[in-house]
Protein backbone atom coordinates (compact mmCIF):
# COMPACT_ATOMS: atom_id res chain seq x y z
CA MET A 1 0.00 0.00 0.00
CA TYR A 2 1.11 3.59 -0.69
CA SER A 3 0.89 6.38 1.90
CA VAL A 4 -0.39 9.78 0.77
CA ALA A 5 1.42 12.81 2.19
CA VAL A 6 -0.93 15.20 3.98
CA GLU A 7 -0.65 18.83 2.91
CA ARG A 8 0.38 21.34 5.54
CA GLY A 9 -1.58 24.54 5.59
CA VAL A 10 -1.08 28.00 7.11
CA ILE A 11 -4.16 30.15 7.68
CA TYR A 12 -3.64 33.92 7.78
CA GLY A 13 -6.25 36.53 8.73
CA ARG A 14 -5.99 40.31 9.04
CA ALA A 15 -8.23 43.32 9.62
CA SER A 16 -7.32 47.03 9.66
CA ARG A 17 -9.89 48.01 12.26
CA ASP A 18 -11.34 46.23 15.25
CA PRO A 19 -12.89 49.04 17.36
CA ARG A 20 -14.51 46.68 19.85
CA GLY A 21 -11.37 44.60 20.29
CA GLY A 22 -13.23 41.36 19.64
CA GLY A 23 -11.37 40.33 16.50
CA THR A 24 -14.66 39.25 14.90
CA SER A 25 -13.64 39.87 11.31
CA VAL A 26 -10.31 38.07 11.66
CA SER A 27 -11.98 35.22 13.56
CA LYS A 28 -14.39 34.71 10.68
CA GLN A 29 -11.50 34.62 8.23
CA ILE A 30 -9.76 31.96 10.33
CA GLU A 31 -13.00 29.96 10.60
CA ARG A 32 -13.52 29.98 6.84
CA GLY A 33 -9.91 28.89 6.40
CA ARG A 34 -10.52 25.92 8.70
CA ASN A 35 -13.59 24.92 6.69
CA PHE A 36 -11.55 24.95 3.48
CA ALA A 37 -8.75 22.95 5.09
CA GLN A 38 -11.21 20.34 6.34
CA ARG A 39 -12.82 20.08 2.89
CA ASP A 40 -9.50 19.58 1.08
CA GLY A 41 -7.90 17.41 3.75
CA VAL A 42 -5.25 20.00 4.64
CA ASP A 43 -3.53 19.70 8.02
CA VAL A 44 -3.44 23.19 9.56
CA VAL A 45 -0.02 23.70 11.14
CA ALA A 46 -0.50 27.36 12.07
CA GLU A 47 -3.26 29.92 12.42
CA ILE A 48 -1.77 33.42 12.29
CA ARG A 49 -3.63 36.69 12.69
CA ASP A 50 -3.01 40.43 12.65
CA ASP A 51 -5.71 42.45 14.40
CA ASN A 52 -5.97 46.22 13.92
CA LYS A 53 -3.14 46.18 11.39
CA SER A 54 -3.20 48.04 8.10
CA ALA A 55 -1.65 46.40 5.03
CA SER A 56 -1.51 49.48 2.78
CA ARG A 57 1.69 50.94 1.38
CA GLY A 58 3.71 52.68 4.08
CA SER A 59 2.02 50.92 7.01
CA ARG A 60 4.02 49.40 9.84
CA GLU A 61 5.41 45.88 9.72
CA ARG A 62 2.97 43.19 10.81
CA ASP A 63 4.28 40.53 13.18
CA GLY A 64 1.81 37.96 11.90
CA PHE A 65 2.68 38.55 8.26
CA LEU A 66 6.39 38.20 9.06
CA LYS A 67 5.67 34.84 10.76
CA VAL A 68 3.84 33.66 7.63
CA ARG A 69 6.81 34.65 5.46
CA GLY A 70 9.13 32.84 7.86
CA LEU A 71 7.13 29.58 7.60
CA ILE A 72 7.03 29.86 3.81
CA ASP A 73 10.77 30.52 3.48
CA ALA A 74 11.52 27.64 5.86
CA GLY A 75 9.47 25.21 3.72
CA ARG A 76 7.18 24.31 6.62
CA ALA A 77 3.92 24.63 4.66
CA ASP A 78 2.39 23.48 1.36
CA VAL A 79 -0.57 25.85 1.03
CA LEU A 80 -1.28 29.39 2.23
CA ILE A 81 -4.98 29.88 3.04
CA LEU A 82 -6.49 33.38 2.71
CA TRP A 83 -10.03 34.69 2.76
CA GLU A 84 -9.15 37.24 0.05
CA VAL A 85 -5.95 38.71 -1.39
CA SER A 86 -6.45 42.07 0.31
CA ARG A 87 -6.21 40.32 3.70
CA SER A 88 -2.58 39.45 2.98
CA SER A 89 -1.56 42.86 1.63
CA ARG A 90 -2.83 45.99 -0.10
CA ASP A 91 0.68 46.85 -1.24
CA LEU A 92 1.28 45.31 -4.69
CA GLU A 93 5.05 45.17 -4.24
CA GLU A 94 4.70 43.37 -0.91
CA PHE A 95 2.06 41.00 -2.28
CA MET A 96 4.25 40.11 -5.29
CA GLY A 97 7.04 39.26 -2.84
CA LEU A 98 4.64 36.87 -1.10
CA VAL A 99 3.58 35.28 -4.42
CA ASN A 100 7.20 34.83 -5.50
CA ALA A 101 8.12 33.31 -2.12
CA CYS A 102 5.27 30.79 -2.47
CA ALA A 103 6.37 29.95 -6.04
CA ASP A 104 10.02 29.48 -4.99
CA ASN A 105 9.05 27.16 -2.12
CA GLY A 106 6.38 25.16 -3.93
CA LEU A 107 3.34 26.55 -2.07
CA GLU A 108 -0.11 27.01 -3.49
CA ILE A 109 -2.30 29.94 -2.44
CA ALA A 110 -5.96 29.30 -1.59
CA VAL A 111 -8.21 32.37 -1.83
CA SER A 112 -11.89 31.99 -0.86
CA GLY A 113 -11.68 28.25 -1.43
CA THR A 114 -10.01 28.50 -4.86
CA ARG A 115 -6.46 27.17 -5.27
CA TYR A 116 -3.84 29.00 -7.29
CA ASN A 117 -0.41 27.64 -8.25
CA PRO A 118 1.84 30.70 -8.66
CA THR A 119 4.28 28.72 -10.85
CA LYS A 120 1.59 28.45 -13.56
CA VAL A 121 0.88 31.48 -15.71
CA ASP A 122 -2.88 30.80 -15.81
CA ASP A 123 -2.97 30.87 -11.98
CA TRP A 124 -0.35 33.58 -11.53
CA LEU A 125 -2.25 36.17 -13.62
CA PRO A 126 -5.53 36.19 -11.61
CA LEU A 127 -3.49 36.40 -8.40
CA VAL A 128 -1.63 39.44 -9.71
CA LEU A 129 -4.88 41.06 -10.89
CA GLN A 130 -6.38 40.60 -7.42
CA GLY A 131 -3.26 42.18 -5.94
CA VAL A 132 -3.60 45.17 -8.29
CA MET A 133 -7.26 45.57 -7.30
CA ALA A 134 -6.33 45.40 -3.61
CA GLU A 135 -3.82 48.27 -3.92
CA ALA A 136 -6.23 50.28 -6.09
CA GLU A 137 -8.88 49.96 -3.36
CA ALA A 138 -6.30 51.04 -0.75
CA ARG A 139 -5.55 54.16 -2.79
CA ARG A 140 -9.29 54.92 -3.12
CA ILE A 141 -9.71 54.52 0.66
CA LYS A 142 -6.80 56.90 1.27
CA LYS A 143 -8.30 59.50 -1.08
CA ARG A 144 -11.70 59.20 0.60
CA ASN A 145 -10.08 59.66 4.01
CA ILE A 146 -8.19 62.76 2.85
CA ASP A 147 -11.36 64.20 1.32
CA SER A 148 -13.24 63.49 4.55
CA VAL A 149 -10.59 65.28 6.61
CA GLU A 150 -10.64 68.31 4.30
CA THR A 151 -14.45 68.45 4.36
CA ASN A 152 -14.58 68.19 8.16
CA ALA A 153 -11.97 70.95 8.42
CA LEU A 154 -13.98 73.31 6.19
CA ARG A 155 -17.12 72.57 8.19
CA GLY A 156 -15.31 73.03 11.49
CA SER A 157 -16.35 69.49 12.44
CA PRO A 158 -14.31 67.32 14.84
CA HIS A 159 -11.83 64.79 13.52
CA GLY A 160 -9.17 62.52 14.96
CA ARG A 161 -8.67 61.82 18.64
CA ILE A 162 -11.18 63.06 21.18
CA PRO A 163 -9.64 66.16 22.82
CA TYR A 164 -9.32 66.20 26.60
CA GLY A 165 -12.42 67.77 28.14
CA PHE A 166 -14.74 66.77 25.29
CA ARG A 167 -17.02 63.85 24.50
CA ARG A 168 -18.29 62.68 21.13
CA CYS A 169 -21.97 62.27 20.19
CA TYR A 170 -23.02 59.64 17.64
CA ASP A 171 -26.30 58.99 15.83
CA SER A 172 -27.98 56.13 17.69
CA ARG A 173 -29.32 54.66 14.45
CA THR A 174 -26.41 54.97 12.02
CA GLY A 175 -23.47 55.36 14.42
CA ILE A 176 -22.26 58.41 12.46
CA LEU A 177 -20.41 61.12 14.38
CA VAL A 178 -22.76 64.04 15.07
CA GLY A 179 -20.41 66.34 16.99
CA GLN A 180 -18.45 66.82 20.19
CA THR A 181 -19.20 68.78 23.33
CA PRO A 182 -17.65 69.66 26.70
CA PHE A 183 -21.08 69.38 28.34
CA VAL A 184 -22.73 66.37 30.01
CA ARG A 185 -26.33 65.84 31.10
CA VAL A 186 -27.41 66.47 34.70
CA ASP A 187 -30.45 65.23 36.61
CA SER A 188 -32.96 67.26 38.61
CA SER A 189 -30.51 67.50 41.52
CA GLY A 190 -27.76 68.88 39.29
CA SER A 191 -25.64 65.71 39.42
CA PRO A 192 -24.11 64.38 36.18
CA VAL A 193 -26.06 61.48 34.65
CA ARG A 194 -24.18 58.25 34.02
CA THR A 195 -24.94 55.26 31.80
CA PRO A 196 -25.09 51.73 33.29
CA GLU A 197 -21.44 51.40 32.21
CA GLY A 198 -20.52 54.46 34.31
CA GLU A 199 -20.01 56.84 31.38
CA PHE A 200 -21.23 60.44 31.41
CA VAL A 201 -23.94 61.32 28.87
CA PRO A 202 -22.79 64.07 26.45
CA VAL A 203 -25.25 66.83 25.54
CA LEU A 204 -25.07 68.97 22.39
CA SER A 205 -28.20 71.08 22.85
CA ASP A 206 -28.09 73.98 25.31
CA GLU A 207 -31.81 73.41 25.98
CA ALA A 208 -31.13 70.27 28.01
CA PRO A 209 -29.97 70.45 31.67
CA ARG A 210 -26.21 70.16 31.47
CA THR A 211 -22.89 71.03 33.04
CA LEU A 212 -19.23 70.94 32.04
CA SER A 213 -17.61 67.52 32.04
CA PRO A 214 -15.18 66.79 34.92
CA GLU A 215 -12.23 67.06 32.52
CA ALA A 216 -13.45 70.41 31.20
CA VAL A 217 -13.77 71.65 34.78
CA VAL A 218 -10.10 70.76 35.35
CA LEU A 219 -9.12 72.95 32.39
CA VAL A 220 -11.32 75.86 33.49
CA GLU A 221 -9.88 75.76 37.00
CA ALA A 222 -6.34 75.63 35.60
CA VAL A 223 -6.99 78.63 33.32
CA ASN A 224 -8.43 80.70 36.16
CA THR A 225 -5.56 79.78 38.51
CA LEU A 226 -2.91 80.74 35.94
CA LEU A 227 -4.55 84.05 35.10
CA ASP A 228 -4.76 84.79 38.84
CA GLY A 229 -0.98 84.35 39.20
CA GLY A 230 -0.64 80.62 39.89
CA THR A 231 1.92 78.30 38.30
CA LEU A 232 1.68 75.09 36.32
CA ARG A 233 3.55 73.15 39.00
CA GLN A 234 1.22 74.37 41.73
CA ILE A 235 -1.80 73.27 39.71
CA CYS A 236 -0.21 69.88 39.01
CA ARG A 237 0.56 69.34 42.70
CA ASP A 238 -3.08 70.06 43.53
CA LEU A 239 -4.35 67.70 40.81
CA ASN A 240 -2.01 64.94 41.97
CA THR A 241 -3.13 65.41 45.58
CA ARG A 242 -6.76 65.11 44.50
CA GLY A 243 -6.01 62.02 42.37
CA ILE A 244 -7.41 63.53 39.16
CA PRO A 245 -6.73 61.19 36.19
CA THR A 246 -4.51 62.54 33.42
CA PRO A 247 -5.11 62.00 29.68
CA ARG A 248 -1.89 60.00 29.36
CA LYS A 249 -2.09 56.30 28.64
CA ALA A 250 -0.86 53.94 31.31
CA ARG A 251 2.60 52.41 30.98
CA ARG A 252 3.24 48.76 31.80
CA SER A 253 4.51 49.63 35.29
CA THR A 254 1.34 51.67 35.92
CA LEU A 255 -0.88 48.77 34.86
CA GLU A 256 0.93 46.48 37.29
CA GLU A 257 0.15 48.84 40.17
CA ASN A 258 -3.25 49.93 38.89
CA PRO A 259 -5.08 47.42 36.62
CA MET A 260 -7.66 50.10 35.76
CA GLY A 261 -4.90 51.97 33.94
CA VAL A 262 -5.63 55.38 35.46
CA VAL A 263 -2.64 57.73 35.46
CA THR A 264 -2.80 60.39 38.19
CA ASN A 265 0.68 61.88 37.87
CA TRP A 266 0.23 65.31 36.27
CA GLU A 267 3.29 67.06 34.81
CA PRO A 268 3.55 70.77 33.88
CA SER A 269 4.43 69.95 30.27
CA THR A 270 1.28 67.82 29.87
CA LEU A 271 -0.99 70.49 31.36
CA ARG A 272 0.65 73.25 29.34
CA GLN A 273 0.10 71.31 26.11
CA LEU A 274 -3.59 70.84 26.92
CA LEU A 275 -4.09 74.51 27.74
CA LEU A 276 -2.34 75.73 24.58
CA ASN A 277 -4.59 73.61 22.35
CA PRO A 278 -6.95 76.05 20.52
CA THR A 279 -9.59 73.31 20.49
CA ILE A 280 -10.61 74.23 24.06
CA ALA A 281 -11.40 77.75 22.78
CA GLY A 282 -13.74 76.41 20.08
CA ARG A 283 -11.20 76.72 17.27
CA ARG A 284 -10.68 74.22 14.43
CA ILE A 285 -7.11 73.10 13.77
CA HIS A 286 -6.12 71.65 10.39
CA ARG A 287 -2.55 70.67 9.51
CA GLY A 288 -1.36 72.46 12.62
CA GLU A 289 -3.05 75.79 11.79
CA ASP A 290 -6.02 77.58 13.30
CA ILE A 291 -8.49 77.83 10.40
CA GLY A 292 -11.39 79.46 12.23
CA LYS A 293 -14.34 78.76 14.48
CA ALA A 294 -15.28 75.16 15.13
CA SER A 295 -18.73 73.60 15.26
CA TRP A 296 -18.41 72.76 18.96
CA GLU A 297 -18.85 75.00 21.99
CA PRO A 298 -15.66 76.17 23.72
CA ILE A 299 -14.56 75.23 27.21
CA VAL A 300 -13.09 78.72 27.72
CA PRO A 301 -13.93 81.86 25.68
CA HIS A 302 -11.57 82.58 22.81
CA GLY A 303 -10.54 85.95 24.27
CA THR A 304 -9.68 84.35 27.61
CA TRP A 305 -7.68 81.67 25.83
CA LEU A 306 -5.70 84.31 23.91
CA ARG A 307 -4.74 85.91 27.24
CA LEU A 308 -3.77 82.48 28.57
CA ARG A 309 -1.66 81.68 25.52
CA ALA A 310 0.14 85.00 25.83
CA LEU A 311 0.79 84.29 29.50
CA LEU A 312 2.19 80.79 28.85
CA LYS A 313 4.35 82.09 26.00
CA ASP A 314 5.46 85.20 27.91
CA PRO A 315 9.27 85.54 27.63
CA ALA A 316 9.37 85.98 31.40
CA ARG A 317 8.11 82.41 31.76
CA LEU A 318 10.24 81.06 28.93
CA SER A 319 13.65 82.31 30.04
CA VAL A 320 14.34 78.60 30.56
CA SER A 321 12.58 75.70 28.92
CA ASN A 322 9.40 74.30 30.44
CA PRO A 323 10.63 71.98 33.23
CA ARG A 324 9.98 68.24 33.03
CA GLY A 325 10.32 65.41 35.48
CA PRO A 326 10.40 65.80 39.26
CA ALA A 327 10.16 69.27 40.77
CA PRO A 328 13.55 70.99 41.31
CA ARG A 329 14.88 70.96 44.88
CA HIS A 330 17.64 73.54 44.42
CA LEU A 331 17.48 77.28 43.74
CA LEU A 332 19.73 77.42 40.66
CA SER A 333 19.70 73.92 39.16
CA GLY A 334 18.85 74.29 35.48
CA ILE A 335 19.15 78.09 35.76
CA ALA A 336 22.85 78.86 36.39
CA THR A 337 25.10 78.24 33.39
CA CYS A 338 28.62 76.93 32.94
CA GLY A 339 31.19 79.63 32.14
CA GLU A 340 33.06 77.20 29.85
CA CYS A 341 30.40 75.55 27.68
CA HIS A 342 27.30 77.61 28.67
CA ALA A 343 25.30 74.47 29.54
CA ARG A 344 22.81 74.57 32.41
CA LEU A 345 24.34 73.41 35.68
CA LYS A 346 22.83 70.51 37.62
CA ALA A 347 22.72 69.94 41.35
CA ALA A 348 24.98 67.30 42.89
CA THR A 349 24.55 66.02 46.45
CA ASN A 350 26.90 63.06 46.52
CA LEU A 351 30.26 64.84 46.49
CA SER A 352 32.71 64.27 49.33
CA ARG A 353 34.07 67.85 49.22
CA MET A 354 30.76 69.69 49.81
CA PRO A 355 27.19 68.78 50.85
CA ARG A 356 25.61 70.45 47.80
CA ALA A 357 27.13 71.61 44.55
CA TYR A 358 26.23 72.98 41.15
CA ALA A 359 28.16 71.09 38.52
CA CYS A 360 28.47 70.96 34.75
CA ARG A 361 27.50 67.51 33.45
CA ASN A 362 27.84 68.36 29.77
CA GLU A 363 29.94 65.77 27.93
CA GLY A 364 33.18 67.28 26.69
CA CYS A 365 33.26 69.85 29.49
CA MET A 366 32.43 68.95 33.12
CA ARG A 367 35.00 71.56 34.23
CA VAL A 368 32.84 73.57 36.63
CA THR A 369 31.84 72.55 40.16
CA VAL A 370 30.98 75.00 42.93
CA SER A 371 29.40 75.03 46.38
CA ALA A 372 25.63 75.44 45.93
CA ASP A 373 25.15 76.97 49.38
CA ARG A 374 27.71 79.73 48.76
CA VAL A 375 26.34 80.52 45.28
CA ASP A 376 22.78 80.69 46.63
CA GLU A 377 23.98 83.18 49.26
CA CYS A 378 25.56 85.36 46.55
CA VAL A 379 22.40 85.37 44.44
CA GLU A 380 20.14 86.15 47.41
CA ALA A 381 22.44 89.03 48.42
CA VAL A 382 22.20 90.53 44.92
CA LEU A 383 18.43 90.18 44.91
CA PHE A 384 18.09 91.81 48.32
CA ALA A 385 20.27 94.72 47.19
CA LEU A 386 18.34 94.96 43.94
CA PHE A 387 14.92 95.16 45.58
CA ALA A 388 16.25 97.51 48.27
CA ARG A 389 16.66 100.21 45.61
CA PRO A 390 13.41 102.21 45.28
CA ASP A 391 14.21 103.13 41.68
CA PHE A 392 14.41 99.45 40.72
CA ILE A 393 11.09 98.51 42.31
CA ALA A 394 9.48 101.53 40.70
CA SER A 395 10.95 100.59 37.32
CA VAL A 396 9.63 97.02 37.50
CA ALA A 397 6.22 98.21 38.66
CA ALA A 398 6.11 100.86 35.92
CA ALA A 399 7.05 98.32 33.27
CA HIS A 400 4.28 96.05 34.48
CA ASP A 401 1.78 98.92 34.45
CA ARG A 402 2.79 99.88 30.92
CA ARG A 403 2.25 96.38 29.66
CA GLU A 404 -1.08 96.01 31.44
CA LYS A 405 -2.25 99.38 30.11
CA LYS A 406 -1.24 98.40 26.60
CA ARG A 407 -3.20 95.18 26.96
CA ARG A 408 -6.30 97.06 28.15
CA ASP A 409 -6.05 99.76 25.48
CA GLU A 410 -5.44 97.39 22.59
CA PRO A 411 -8.58 96.28 20.67
CA ASP A 412 -9.87 92.85 21.74
CA LEU A 413 -7.98 90.25 19.72
CA GLU A 414 -10.92 87.87 19.53
CA SER A 415 -13.24 90.51 18.04
CA LEU A 416 -10.56 91.54 15.53
CA ILE A 417 -10.06 87.94 14.41
CA ASP A 418 -13.83 87.44 14.14
CA GLU A 419 -14.07 90.60 12.04
CA ARG A 420 -11.38 89.37 9.64
CA GLU A 421 -13.03 85.96 9.39
CA ARG A 422 -16.37 87.58 8.51
CA GLU A 423 -14.54 89.61 5.87
CA LEU A 424 -13.10 86.38 4.48
CA ASP A 425 -16.60 84.86 4.32
CA GLU A 426 -17.80 87.91 2.37
CA VAL A 427 -14.98 87.48 -0.13
CA GLU A 428 -15.89 83.79 -0.52
CA GLY A 429 -19.51 84.80 -1.17
CA MET A 430 -18.50 87.40 -3.77
CA ARG A 431 -16.39 84.81 -5.55
CA ALA A 432 -19.27 82.32 -5.54
CA GLU A 433 -21.58 84.96 -7.04
CA GLY A 434 -19.06 85.71 -9.79
CA SER A 435 -18.65 89.37 -8.82
CA LEU A 436 -14.94 88.94 -8.05
CA THR A 437 -12.26 87.82 -10.49
CA LEU A 438 -10.01 84.90 -9.60
CA ARG A 439 -6.96 87.17 -9.34
CA ALA A 440 -8.73 89.64 -7.07
CA TYR A 441 -10.14 86.81 -4.98
CA ALA A 442 -6.68 85.29 -4.48
CA ALA A 443 -5.16 88.67 -3.56
CA GLU A 444 -7.91 89.51 -1.05
CA THR A 445 -7.75 86.05 0.48
CA ARG A 446 -3.97 86.30 0.98
CA ARG A 447 -4.31 89.78 2.52
CA ILE A 448 -7.01 88.76 5.00
CA GLU A 449 -5.35 85.48 5.95
CA ALA A 450 -2.06 87.31 6.58
CA SER A 451 -3.88 89.81 8.80
CA ILE A 452 -5.55 86.99 10.76
CA GLU A 453 -2.22 85.21 11.23
CA LYS A 454 -0.59 88.41 12.48
CA LEU A 455 -3.36 88.90 15.04
CA ARG A 456 -3.06 85.33 16.26
CA ASP A 457 0.66 85.75 16.76
CA SER A 458 0.25 89.02 18.66
CA GLN A 459 1.84 89.04 22.08
CA THR A 460 0.43 92.35 23.32
CA ALA A 461 -1.48 90.60 26.11
CA SER A 462 1.66 89.21 27.76
CA VAL A 463 2.11 89.94 31.44
CA SER A 464 5.17 89.93 33.64
CA SER A 465 6.09 87.16 36.03
CA PRO A 466 3.41 86.36 38.66
CA ALA A 467 6.16 85.48 41.15
CA VAL A 468 7.78 88.90 40.69
CA ARG A 469 4.41 90.58 41.18
CA ARG A 470 3.97 88.71 44.45
CA MET A 471 7.40 89.87 45.57
CA LEU A 472 6.50 93.47 44.73
CA THR A 473 3.37 93.31 46.87
CA ALA A 474 5.23 92.06 49.96
CA LEU A 475 6.01 94.58 52.70
CA THR A 476 9.72 93.76 52.47
CA LEU A 477 11.76 91.54 50.20
CA GLU A 478 12.86 89.44 53.18
CA GLU A 479 9.22 88.78 54.04
CA GLY A 480 8.30 87.95 50.45
CA TRP A 481 11.36 85.74 50.01
CA THR A 482 10.71 83.85 53.24
CA ARG A 483 7.04 83.37 52.38
CA ALA A 484 7.72 82.27 48.78
CA ASP A 485 8.11 78.57 47.98
CA LEU A 486 11.08 77.28 46.00
CA GLN A 487 9.24 77.47 42.66
CA ASP A 488 8.50 81.17 43.14
CA ARG A 489 12.09 81.87 44.21
CA ARG A 490 13.42 80.12 41.11
CA GLU A 491 11.04 82.10 38.91
CA VAL A 492 12.20 85.39 40.44
CA VAL A 493 15.84 84.48 39.84
CA ARG A 494 15.46 83.39 36.23
CA THR A 495 13.18 86.36 35.48
CA LEU A 496 15.54 89.03 36.81
CA LEU A 497 19.06 87.59 36.76
CA GLY A 498 21.52 85.71 34.64
CA VAL A 499 23.91 83.56 36.71
CA THR A 500 27.14 82.14 35.27
CA ILE A 501 29.77 80.13 37.17
CA LYS A 502 33.34 80.42 35.92
CA ARG A 503 35.92 77.68 36.12
CA ALA A 504 38.18 77.76 39.19
CA GLU A 505 41.65 79.05 38.31
CA VAL A 506 43.22 77.21 41.26
CA ARG A 507 41.74 74.01 42.58
CA GLY A 508 41.08 74.04 46.28
CA ARG A 509 38.45 74.10 48.96
CA LYS A 510 38.29 77.88 49.36
CA PHE A 511 35.25 79.49 47.72
CA ASP A 512 36.03 82.36 45.32
CA PRO A 513 33.00 84.71 44.95
CA ASP A 514 34.53 86.18 41.78
CA ARG A 515 33.62 82.93 40.02
CA VAL A 516 29.92 83.86 40.33
CA VAL A 517 28.94 86.30 37.58
CA ILE A 518 25.47 87.83 38.07
CA VAL A 519 24.00 90.12 35.41
CA PRO A 520 20.52 91.52 34.66
CA SER A 521 18.49 89.05 32.60
CA ARG A 522 17.16 89.69 29.10
CA ILE A 523 13.72 90.07 30.66
CA LEU A 524 14.81 93.34 32.23
CA ALA A 525 15.71 94.60 28.78
CA PHE A 526 12.37 93.33 27.49
CA ASP A 527 10.64 95.38 30.18
CA SER A 528 12.52 98.49 29.00
CA LEU A 529 14.76 98.62 32.06
CA GLN A 530 18.33 99.79 31.76
CA PRO A 531 20.97 97.34 33.04
CA SER A 532 22.36 100.07 35.26
CA SER A 533 19.20 99.95 37.37
CA ALA A 534 20.41 96.60 38.80
């Protein structure tokens, strides 16, 4: 008797989207592959799947697809089982590589129950045609997606990820996105209504009883605190104390400690990014640009947001980069600079020569190390002498008054932008009616858009450092300095002074105050103060 070799089969399934995470589409592909294998007497040696993985040109590598190629190249299969060609790839070049690999290793390809031998021209041609159709469909999908994004942008409709503070509303019958809103429904007692799953119920209509979502409330409170003189770090400390979840996704270590995946560690950079997003002011962003009013209601008024943006981008706040990581524990770490390479000095507490030091850790330099306690004393002495001069305090106060007066006297930026946008709409209407030539339309559009962009970039609403203002309102500098926390002290230093530490000419334990160079900061020049006033 003769034994018949049993064919070895590999089933591969893939789907680009699986919003519910159930893998239903891929599971059906695998099930149909099993039915084919059972019908043809094929022994399935592997069932490989790629869930939520695109196969279009330029998409990321798929682990499952690479495993399939590995089995084919190793000669561990006789037939590749697919539901349809597009499930393997929508990239013709990649699909042809798969077909050639099957031909080189003697594999047949089964598509929807039909076998194809890629070594035969009559089988190879329909496979290639299906591959061409799969890439053509991918290109059509890409074009439809681009058109959809452009249309949504022109309408001011939401697109992409749900912004923090908002919730999306969908048509209950079709599942189509209707809009997004920062408001949620409340009951007769004023408490937010929740679904059986614990989700808040979003409300688009202002006729229904509603209130701001908890996330939107966080943003409103942060905006008010900042405009009242608070700092990002202070707000983050309060949010962390209250255990307010952040929008960040949980890392693996977080999931081990908290299976619910809630991240409660707020950082100033995260909060600043949320607050600078024009979406919270009811503005539509497309390709990184503000293109006008959005279809959703704002969390904060546009005019208030413009003041906030000016505050967060105020040069007085940006004299050093926005701090990340743990809160600083030393007055001048990240503020004082190295006199050799001009890098920011870092604090060191593990040196045998001194309990605390400021040291250069820049590769290629590392030539500056100095006692942190003695440098702090020098800086505090300069500040005390600076604030002790009545002319200096008057100059800072006058500069602040000038800037505040300019902000009050300037026309409201929001109303100016709205006026330009209405003018742009009028030009669009004139062009649609045919009363404006194409050349005139293009020229007017460029002029108005340039004016709008200039207004958006205006910094006339910037205010001076809140920490400095608090110091000015104290009865004495000593009282204000003692009462201020470390973050306020650091802000005062980096707002008013530039501190550079020179390299020691002779190594030794004796502190040389001449190594500490303290000069007025560029902010003083920005506030129209002469360096001599320091």
